[in-house]
C-alpha cells in the first residue's frame, strides 16, 4: 500500500494541465473575493473591524517541484505582497503530511526567518480540527477544502464555514475517487458522512451500478448535495461549479470545483473572466483550457480542443440555441444584456440548481458576432448597454 505522505508529495512533483487549471481558478477566485470583501468591509462602518479569515485544510507545500506556486503562496501573495496589503486578515493552513514544507516555502517567499504572525500552520488530521476554536461568529471566512476523499465536504462542515453572511467556500470533489472506492468497506464511513446518511449513500451506490451515464450520475449527486446544503443553511445559496472532463468525446465528469456563496458578487465577477467569447487561448493566460459546454464552465484535460477558441467550440457543439431562446420574439421588443443574463440565470438555476458560466460580456460579444455575420437579425437592445 502506498505511503500517504509519499502519495501527497508525488502530487506536487509535476502538475498536469488539470492541476494547473484548478490552481488558477481557485487562486483567482479567492483573490477576487478578497478584493470585493475587503473593500466592502473597509467601506461599511459596522464591518470595518471584522477579521477576514482564510482557511485551507489540505494546503500542501505551497509550491510545485517545478517552482510554480500553488494556492497557499498565490493567496498570500495576493493579500500581502502587494502595494497596499489587506489589513486584519489571518491565514490558517493545515496539512497532515506537508505542513513543514509549506512553512519553509512561506519563509522563503517572505524573505524571513519566521512565519509572519498572521499565519498559523498546523499538521493535523483534518477531521480532528475544531472549527469552533478557529472561527469567531463575526469572522468573514474564505475557505478552501481540497481533499482526496470527501473529508470536510459534508453539508454540516460547509454550513459552519459559511455561517457568516459574507463568507464563501470552495470545495473539490473527485468523482474518479468515488467510482474507484464506492465498494471499498474502509471508505464507507467517509461516503456516508458526505451523503448525509446511510440510506442516501446506498441510493447513490445503487445509481452508480445501474447507470452507464456517469455524467448524469455526477450531476444528480451534485444536485442532491445542493439541496441538502440549502436545507442545512436555511436559504438558497449561489453555486458556481467548474466541471473537469477527459475530452469532448468522453463526457464523464471526473472532478468538480464548486464555489458556494450567499452572494452572487463573487461568482458574477469570476465567470466573466474565465468564460470569454471568441478569443484564442494563449498559453499561460488565466482562462487557458476553460470552455463553456452547454453553459457549464468546463476544463478538458486531454484533447485538441485546447487549441480551439471558445467560439469555435461552441459553434461546433451547436450550443447557441439555449441563450438565444431567451431573446425577444419580436424586433419591436427590447432587452438589455443584464436582463438577458437574468433570464438565463433564473432558468438555469431552476433546472440545474447552480449558475451557468454565461456573463454579460460573453453574451454581448456572442450577439455582436452573430449580428455582424448575419447569423441572426439585429437584436433590439439599449445601445448604451451594448
Protein backbone atom coordinates (compact mmCIF):
# COMPACT_ATOMS: atom_id res chain seq x y z
CA UNK A 1 0.00 0.00 0.00
CA UNK A 2 1.31 3.44 -0.93
CA UNK A 3 2.58 5.64 1.87
CA UNK A 4 0.07 8.53 2.34
CA UNK A 5 2.86 11.07 2.83
CA UNK A 6 4.64 9.94 -0.34
CA UNK A 7 1.36 9.95 -2.29
CA UNK A 8 0.70 13.53 -1.16
CA UNK A 9 4.25 14.54 -2.05
CA UNK A 10 4.07 12.99 -5.53
CA UNK A 11 1.06 15.13 -6.38
CA UNK A 12 3.24 18.25 -6.26
CA UNK A 13 6.18 16.96 -8.26
CA UNK A 14 4.99 17.79 -11.77
CA UNK A 15 1.50 19.34 -12.11
CA UNK A 16 -0.62 18.33 -15.08
CA UNK A 17 -2.97 20.61 -17.05
CA UNK A 18 -5.87 19.80 -14.73
CA UNK A 19 -3.86 20.73 -11.61
CA UNK A 20 -2.72 23.99 -13.16
CA UNK A 21 -6.27 24.86 -14.20
CA UNK A 22 -7.57 24.11 -10.70
CA UNK A 23 -4.84 26.22 -9.10
CA UNK A 24 -5.53 29.15 -11.45
CA UNK A 25 -9.27 29.10 -10.88
CA UNK A 26 -9.17 28.72 -7.10
CA UNK A 27 -6.43 31.32 -6.51
CA UNK A 28 -8.06 33.78 -8.92
CA UNK A 29 -11.47 33.39 -7.28
CA UNK A 30 -10.03 33.81 -3.79
CA UNK A 31 -8.11 36.90 -4.92
CA UNK A 32 -11.27 38.34 -6.47
CA UNK A 33 -13.27 37.54 -3.33
CA UNK A 34 -10.67 39.17 -1.07
CA UNK A 35 -10.71 42.32 -3.19
CA UNK A 36 -14.50 42.53 -3.02
CA UNK A 37 -14.89 41.65 0.65
CA UNK A 38 -12.02 43.77 1.98
CA UNK A 39 -13.34 46.77 0.05
CA UNK A 40 -16.84 46.18 1.40
CA UNK A 41 -15.59 45.71 4.96
CA UNK A 42 -13.42 48.83 4.96
CA UNK A 43 -16.21 50.94 3.47
CA UNK A 44 -19.02 49.98 5.89
CA UNK A 45 -18.55 51.28 9.48
CA UNK A 46 -20.11 48.32 11.33
CA UNK A 47 -17.91 45.86 9.36
CA UNK A 48 -14.67 47.84 9.48
CA UNK A 49 -13.08 45.96 12.38
CA UNK A 50 -14.14 42.46 11.41
CA UNK A 51 -11.41 39.92 10.79
CA UNK A 52 -11.07 38.19 7.42
CA UNK A 53 -10.06 34.58 7.96
CA UNK A 54 -8.71 32.31 5.22
CA UNK A 55 -8.84 28.56 5.93
CA UNK A 56 -7.12 25.82 3.91
CA UNK A 57 -7.36 22.36 5.47
CA UNK A 58 -5.35 20.41 2.85
CA UNK A 59 -2.87 23.06 1.80
CA UNK A 60 0.11 21.09 0.51
CA UNK A 61 3.63 22.59 0.39
CA UNK A 62 2.61 25.85 -1.30
CA UNK A 63 4.53 25.22 -4.49
CA UNK A 64 5.27 22.51 -7.01
CA UNK A 65 8.69 20.98 -7.59
CA UNK A 66 8.73 22.85 -10.91
CA UNK A 67 8.97 26.08 -8.90
CA UNK A 68 5.40 27.19 -9.64
CA UNK A 69 3.42 28.48 -6.67
CA UNK A 70 0.30 26.57 -5.67
CA UNK A 71 -2.80 28.01 -3.97
CA UNK A 72 -1.36 28.93 -0.50
CA UNK A 73 1.50 31.07 -1.80
CA UNK A 74 -0.66 32.59 -4.54
CA UNK A 75 -3.28 33.65 -1.98
CA UNK A 76 -0.65 35.05 0.39
CA UNK A 77 0.99 36.94 -2.45
CA UNK A 78 -2.31 38.49 -3.50
CA UNK A 79 -3.27 39.52 0.03
CA UNK A 80 0.05 40.63 1.48
CA UNK A 81 2.77 41.05 -1.16
CA UNK A 82 1.06 43.96 -2.90
CA UNK A 83 1.39 47.73 -2.86
CA UNK A 84 -1.40 48.06 -0.29
CA UNK A 85 -1.67 44.82 1.71
CA UNK A 86 -5.08 43.77 3.04
CA UNK A 87 -5.24 44.53 6.77
CA UNK A 88 -6.81 42.49 9.57
CA UNK A 89 -6.59 39.24 7.62
CA UNK A 90 -5.40 35.94 9.06
CA UNK A 91 -4.49 32.63 7.45
CA UNK A 92 -4.85 29.09 8.76
CA UNK A 93 -3.10 26.33 6.81
CA UNK A 94 -3.22 22.65 7.68
CA UNK A 95 -1.67 19.59 6.09
CA UNK A 96 -1.06 16.26 7.77
CA UNK A 97 1.99 15.48 5.65
CA UNK A 98 3.38 18.66 4.08
CA UNK A 99 2.95 21.45 6.66
CA UNK A 100 6.68 21.69 7.34
CA UNK A 101 7.42 22.22 3.65
CA UNK A 102 4.81 24.96 3.48
CA UNK A 103 6.40 26.72 6.44
CA UNK A 104 9.78 26.70 4.69
CA UNK A 105 8.30 27.95 1.43
CA UNK A 106 6.48 30.81 3.20
CA UNK A 107 9.70 31.90 4.89
CA UNK A 108 11.44 31.86 1.53
CA UNK A 109 8.59 33.80 -0.12
CA UNK A 110 8.59 36.50 2.56
CA UNK A 111 12.41 36.54 2.92
CA UNK A 112 12.22 35.99 6.67
CA UNK A 113 13.42 33.53 9.30
CA UNK A 114 9.99 33.37 10.92
CA UNK A 115 6.49 32.82 9.60
CA UNK A 116 4.52 36.10 9.91
CA UNK A 117 2.28 36.20 13.00
CA UNK A 118 -0.90 36.44 10.90
CA UNK A 119 -0.22 32.94 9.52
CA UNK A 120 -0.91 29.80 11.57
CA UNK A 121 0.21 26.38 10.28
CA UNK A 122 -0.78 23.01 11.77
CA UNK A 123 -0.04 19.40 10.93
CA UNK A 124 -3.23 17.55 11.89
CA UNK A 125 -5.71 15.01 10.69
CA UNK A 126 -8.28 17.41 9.22
CA UNK A 127 -11.18 15.56 10.83
CA UNK A 128 -9.84 16.45 14.30
CA UNK A 129 -9.83 20.22 13.68
CA UNK A 130 -12.27 22.08 15.91
CA UNK A 131 -13.84 24.76 13.72
CA UNK A 132 -15.39 26.50 16.72
CA UNK A 133 -11.91 27.19 18.07
CA UNK A 134 -10.84 28.75 14.76
CA UNK A 135 -13.86 30.81 13.75
CA UNK A 136 -15.49 33.66 15.65
CA UNK A 137 -19.12 34.40 14.76
CA UNK A 138 -18.11 37.80 13.37
CA UNK A 139 -15.28 36.45 11.19
CA UNK A 140 -15.58 36.81 7.43
CA UNK A 141 -14.37 33.40 6.27
CA UNK A 142 -12.99 32.30 2.91
CA UNK A 143 -12.29 28.57 3.00
CA UNK A 144 -10.83 26.04 0.58
CA UNK A 145 -11.47 22.31 1.05
CA UNK A 146 -9.34 20.25 -1.34
CA UNK A 147 -9.33 16.68 -0.04
CA UNK A 148 -8.97 13.43 -1.97
CA UNK A 149 -11.79 11.57 -0.23
CA UNK A 150 -14.64 13.96 0.62
CA UNK A 151 -13.19 14.85 4.01
CA UNK A 152 -14.82 18.05 5.36
CA UNK A 153 -17.03 18.25 2.24
CA UNK A 154 -20.15 17.24 4.13
CA UNK A 155 -23.02 19.73 4.43
CA UNK A 156 -22.59 20.16 8.20
CA UNK A 157 -19.00 21.34 7.81
CA UNK A 158 -19.69 23.60 4.81
CA UNK A 159 -22.65 25.14 6.70
CA UNK A 160 -20.30 26.09 9.55
CA UNK A 161 -17.74 27.55 7.18
CA UNK A 162 -20.26 29.87 5.51
CA UNK A 163 -22.30 30.72 8.63
CA UNK A 164 -21.36 34.40 8.28
CA UNK A 165 -23.40 36.11 5.56
CA UNK A 166 -20.20 37.39 3.89
CA UNK A 167 -18.35 34.06 3.89
CA UNK A 168 -17.58 31.92 0.82
CA UNK A 169 -16.29 28.38 0.41
CA UNK A 170 -14.66 26.46 -2.43
CA UNK A 171 -14.57 22.68 -2.28
CA UNK A 172 -13.22 20.00 -4.59
CA UNK A 173 -14.88 16.67 -5.41
CA UNK A 174 -13.01 13.88 -7.21
CA UNK A 175 -15.60 11.62 -8.84
CA UNK A 176 -12.90 9.25 -10.01
CA UNK A 177 -12.21 8.53 -6.34
CA UNK A 178 -15.91 7.89 -5.81
CA UNK A 179 -16.07 5.46 -8.74
CA UNK A 180 -12.94 3.66 -7.59
CA UNK A 181 -13.72 3.26 -3.89
CA UNK A 182 -17.51 3.12 -3.70
CA UNK A 183 -17.45 -0.59 -2.81
CA UNK A 184 -14.41 -0.45 -0.51
CA UNK A 185 -15.52 -1.07 3.08
CA UNK A 186 -12.79 1.09 4.64
CA UNK A 187 -14.16 4.13 2.76
CA UNK A 188 -17.80 3.53 3.67
CA UNK A 189 -17.97 5.89 6.67
CA UNK A 190 -16.47 8.75 4.65
CA UNK A 191 -19.10 8.30 1.95
CA UNK A 192 -21.93 8.10 4.48
CA UNK A 193 -20.69 11.32 6.06
CA UNK A 194 -20.58 13.04 2.66
CA UNK A 195 -24.03 11.87 1.56
CA UNK A 196 -25.60 12.67 4.91
CA UNK A 197 -26.98 9.24 5.79
CA UNK A 198 -26.53 5.54 5.14
CA UNK A 199 -29.73 5.44 3.06
CA UNK A 200 -28.56 8.32 0.86
CA UNK A 201 -25.22 6.62 0.29
CA UNK A 202 -26.88 3.31 -0.60
CA UNK A 203 -29.12 5.14 -3.06
CA UNK A 204 -26.10 6.77 -4.73
CA UNK A 205 -24.27 3.44 -4.76
CA UNK A 206 -27.24 1.75 -6.43
CA UNK A 207 -27.42 4.54 -9.00
CA UNK A 208 -23.71 4.12 -9.71
CA UNK A 209 -24.08 0.43 -10.50
CA UNK A 210 -27.25 0.87 -12.57
CA UNK A 211 -26.38 3.83 -14.79
CA UNK A 212 -23.85 3.88 -17.61
CA UNK A 213 -24.11 7.66 -17.92
CA UNK A 214 -21.63 8.84 -15.33
CA UNK A 215 -22.15 12.45 -16.43
CA UNK A 216 -25.78 12.17 -15.36
CA UNK A 217 -24.74 10.43 -12.15
CA UNK A 218 -22.33 13.23 -11.18
CA UNK A 219 -24.98 15.86 -11.94
CA UNK A 220 -27.57 14.09 -9.80
CA UNK A 221 -25.09 13.74 -6.95
CA UNK A 222 -24.28 17.45 -7.02
CA UNK A 223 -27.95 18.45 -7.20
CA UNK A 224 -28.64 16.25 -4.19
CA UNK A 225 -25.74 17.89 -2.34
CA UNK A 226 -27.01 21.39 -3.23
CA UNK A 227 -30.50 20.62 -1.94
CA UNK A 228 -29.11 19.24 1.32
CA UNK A 229 -26.77 22.20 1.84
CA UNK A 230 -29.53 24.74 1.11
CA UNK A 231 -31.70 22.96 3.67
CA UNK A 232 -28.88 22.88 6.23
CA UNK A 233 -28.13 26.60 5.81
CA UNK A 234 -31.79 27.58 5.63
CA UNK A 235 -31.59 29.63 2.44
CA UNK A 236 -30.93 29.21 -1.25
CA UNK A 237 -27.24 29.67 -1.96
CA UNK A 238 -25.35 30.55 -5.13
CA UNK A 239 -23.23 27.78 -6.63
CA UNK A 240 -20.72 28.12 -9.45
CA UNK A 241 -19.18 24.77 -10.48
CA UNK A 242 -16.25 24.02 -12.76
CA UNK A 243 -16.51 20.59 -14.40
CA UNK A 244 -13.48 18.55 -15.44
CA UNK A 245 -13.78 16.07 -18.30
CA UNK A 246 -11.23 13.91 -20.11
CA UNK A 247 -12.31 15.10 -23.57
CA UNK A 248 -15.26 16.19 -25.68
CA UNK A 249 -15.77 12.57 -26.68
CA UNK A 250 -15.55 11.14 -23.15
CA UNK A 251 -18.32 13.11 -21.43
CA UNK A 252 -17.93 11.61 -17.95
CA UNK A 253 -17.34 14.26 -15.32
CA UNK A 254 -14.13 13.36 -13.49
CA UNK A 255 -13.91 16.20 -10.96
CA UNK A 256 -15.73 19.33 -9.83
CA UNK A 257 -14.61 22.54 -8.15
CA UNK A 258 -17.61 24.21 -6.51
CA UNK A 259 -17.88 27.81 -5.33
CA UNK A 260 -20.55 28.25 -2.63
CA UNK A 261 -21.68 31.75 -1.68
CA UNK A 262 -24.59 33.60 -0.09
CA UNK A 263 -23.96 36.45 -2.52
CA UNK A 264 -23.61 36.34 -6.29
CA UNK A 265 -20.97 39.11 -6.46
CA UNK A 266 -18.01 36.73 -6.46
CA UNK A 267 -19.47 34.22 -8.94
CA UNK A 268 -20.54 37.06 -11.26
CA UNK A 269 -17.05 38.55 -11.23
CA UNK A 270 -15.27 35.29 -11.89
CA UNK A 271 -17.38 33.86 -14.70
CA UNK A 272 -16.75 36.97 -16.80
CA UNK A 273 -13.01 36.28 -16.53
CA UNK A 274 -12.96 32.54 -17.23
CA UNK A 275 -15.57 32.28 -19.97
CA UNK A 276 -14.74 34.70 -22.75
CA UNK A 277 -16.16 34.65 -26.25
CA UNK A 278 -14.17 34.36 -29.46
CA UNK A 279 -10.67 34.74 -28.00
CA UNK A 280 -7.92 32.30 -28.83
CA UNK A 281 -6.34 30.51 -25.93
CA UNK A 282 -2.96 31.90 -25.02
CA UNK A 283 -0.64 29.56 -23.10
CA UNK A 284 -0.32 30.83 -19.55
CA UNK A 285 -3.43 33.02 -19.73
CA UNK A 286 -5.83 32.93 -16.80
CA UNK A 287 -8.57 31.18 -18.79
CA UNK A 288 -6.40 28.69 -20.68
CA UNK A 289 -8.23 25.33 -21.00
CA UNK A 290 -11.56 26.76 -19.75
CA UNK A 291 -14.61 26.48 -22.02
CA UNK A 292 -18.38 26.76 -22.00
CA UNK A 293 -20.13 23.46 -22.64
CA UNK A 294 -23.93 23.76 -22.56
CA UNK A 295 -23.50 26.74 -20.28
CA UNK A 296 -21.21 24.91 -17.84
CA UNK A 297 -17.66 26.07 -17.16
CA UNK A 298 -15.61 23.08 -18.25
CA UNK A 299 -11.95 22.07 -18.29
CA UNK A 300 -10.96 19.42 -20.85
CA UNK A 301 -7.92 17.56 -19.63
CA UNK A 302 -6.73 15.64 -22.71
CA UNK A 303 -7.98 16.97 -26.02
CA UNK A 304 -7.06 19.06 -29.03
CA UNK A 305 -9.85 21.44 -28.04
CA UNK A 306 -7.21 23.33 -26.10
CA UNK A 307 -6.07 24.77 -29.41
CA UNK A 308 -9.57 25.95 -30.33
CA UNK A 309 -11.20 29.24 -29.42
CA UNK A 310 -14.24 29.28 -27.19
CA UNK A 311 -16.38 30.38 -30.12
CA UNK A 312 -15.15 27.59 -32.38
CA UNK A 313 -16.01 25.03 -29.72
CA UNK A 314 -19.46 26.49 -29.09
CA UNK A 315 -20.11 26.63 -32.82
CA UNK A 316 -19.01 23.02 -33.33
CA UNK A 317 -21.12 21.84 -30.40
CA UNK A 318 -24.12 23.93 -31.56
CA UNK A 319 -24.77 25.42 -28.15
CA UNK A 320 -26.18 28.83 -29.17
CA UNK A 321 -29.79 27.70 -29.14
CA UNK A 322 -30.09 27.93 -25.37
CA UNK A 323 -29.04 31.58 -24.76
CA UNK A 324 -30.78 32.71 -27.96
CA UNK A 325 -34.06 31.18 -26.79
CA UNK A 326 -34.35 34.00 -24.25
CA UNK A 327 -34.22 36.80 -26.83
CA UNK A 328 -37.42 38.75 -27.56
CA UNK A 329 -39.71 37.16 -30.15
CA UNK A 330 -40.28 40.48 -31.87
CA UNK A 331 -37.82 43.13 -33.06
CA UNK A 332 -40.16 45.71 -31.55
CA UNK A 333 -39.29 44.34 -28.12
CA UNK A 334 -36.07 45.25 -26.37
CA UNK A 335 -33.85 43.65 -23.80
CA UNK A 336 -30.64 44.69 -22.06
CA UNK A 337 -27.79 42.26 -21.65
CA UNK A 338 -28.31 42.23 -17.87
CA UNK A 339 -31.97 41.29 -18.40
CA UNK A 340 -30.94 38.56 -20.82
CA UNK A 341 -28.45 37.17 -18.31
CA UNK A 342 -31.07 37.35 -15.57
CA UNK A 343 -33.49 35.29 -17.64
CA UNK A 344 -30.83 32.71 -18.39
CA UNK A 345 -29.73 32.51 -14.75
CA UNK A 346 -33.26 32.04 -13.46
CA UNK A 347 -33.94 29.21 -15.92
CA UNK A 348 -30.51 27.62 -15.43
CA UNK A 349 -30.80 27.63 -11.64
CA UNK A 350 -34.32 26.23 -11.87
CA UNK A 351 -33.12 23.30 -13.98
CA UNK A 352 -29.66 22.68 -12.54
CA UNK A 353 -29.68 24.47 -9.14
CA UNK A 354 -26.40 26.26 -9.92
CA UNK A 355 -25.30 29.27 -12.00
CA UNK A 356 -24.25 28.96 -15.63
CA UNK A 357 -20.92 30.19 -16.94
CA UNK A 358 -22.53 32.92 -19.06
CA UNK A 359 -21.67 36.54 -18.28
CA UNK A 360 -22.88 39.86 -19.67
CA UNK A 361 -19.58 40.25 -21.52
CA UNK A 362 -19.88 36.82 -23.10
CA UNK A 363 -23.50 37.37 -24.23
CA UNK A 364 -22.73 40.82 -25.63
CA UNK A 365 -19.84 39.52 -27.72
CA UNK A 366 -21.82 36.49 -28.84
CA UNK A 367 -24.76 38.59 -30.05
CA UNK A 368 -22.47 41.12 -31.75
CA UNK A 369 -20.67 38.34 -33.61
CA UNK A 370 -23.87 36.68 -34.75
CA UNK A 371 -25.33 40.01 -35.87
CA UNK A 372 -22.17 41.10 -37.70
CA UNK A 373 -22.06 37.81 -39.57
CA UNK A 374 -25.78 37.96 -40.37
CA UNK A 375 -26.43 34.75 -38.47
CA UNK A 376 -29.30 36.44 -36.65
CA UNK A 377 -31.31 39.61 -37.19
CA UNK A 378 -30.22 42.66 -35.24
CA UNK A 379 -31.42 42.41 -31.67
CA UNK A 380 -33.16 45.50 -30.35
CA UNK A 381 -31.26 46.44 -27.20
CA UNK A 382 -30.35 49.60 -25.37
CA UNK A 383 -27.29 50.87 -27.35
CA UNK A 384 -25.68 52.18 -24.17
CA UNK A 385 -25.61 48.63 -22.84
CA UNK A 386 -24.09 47.04 -25.95
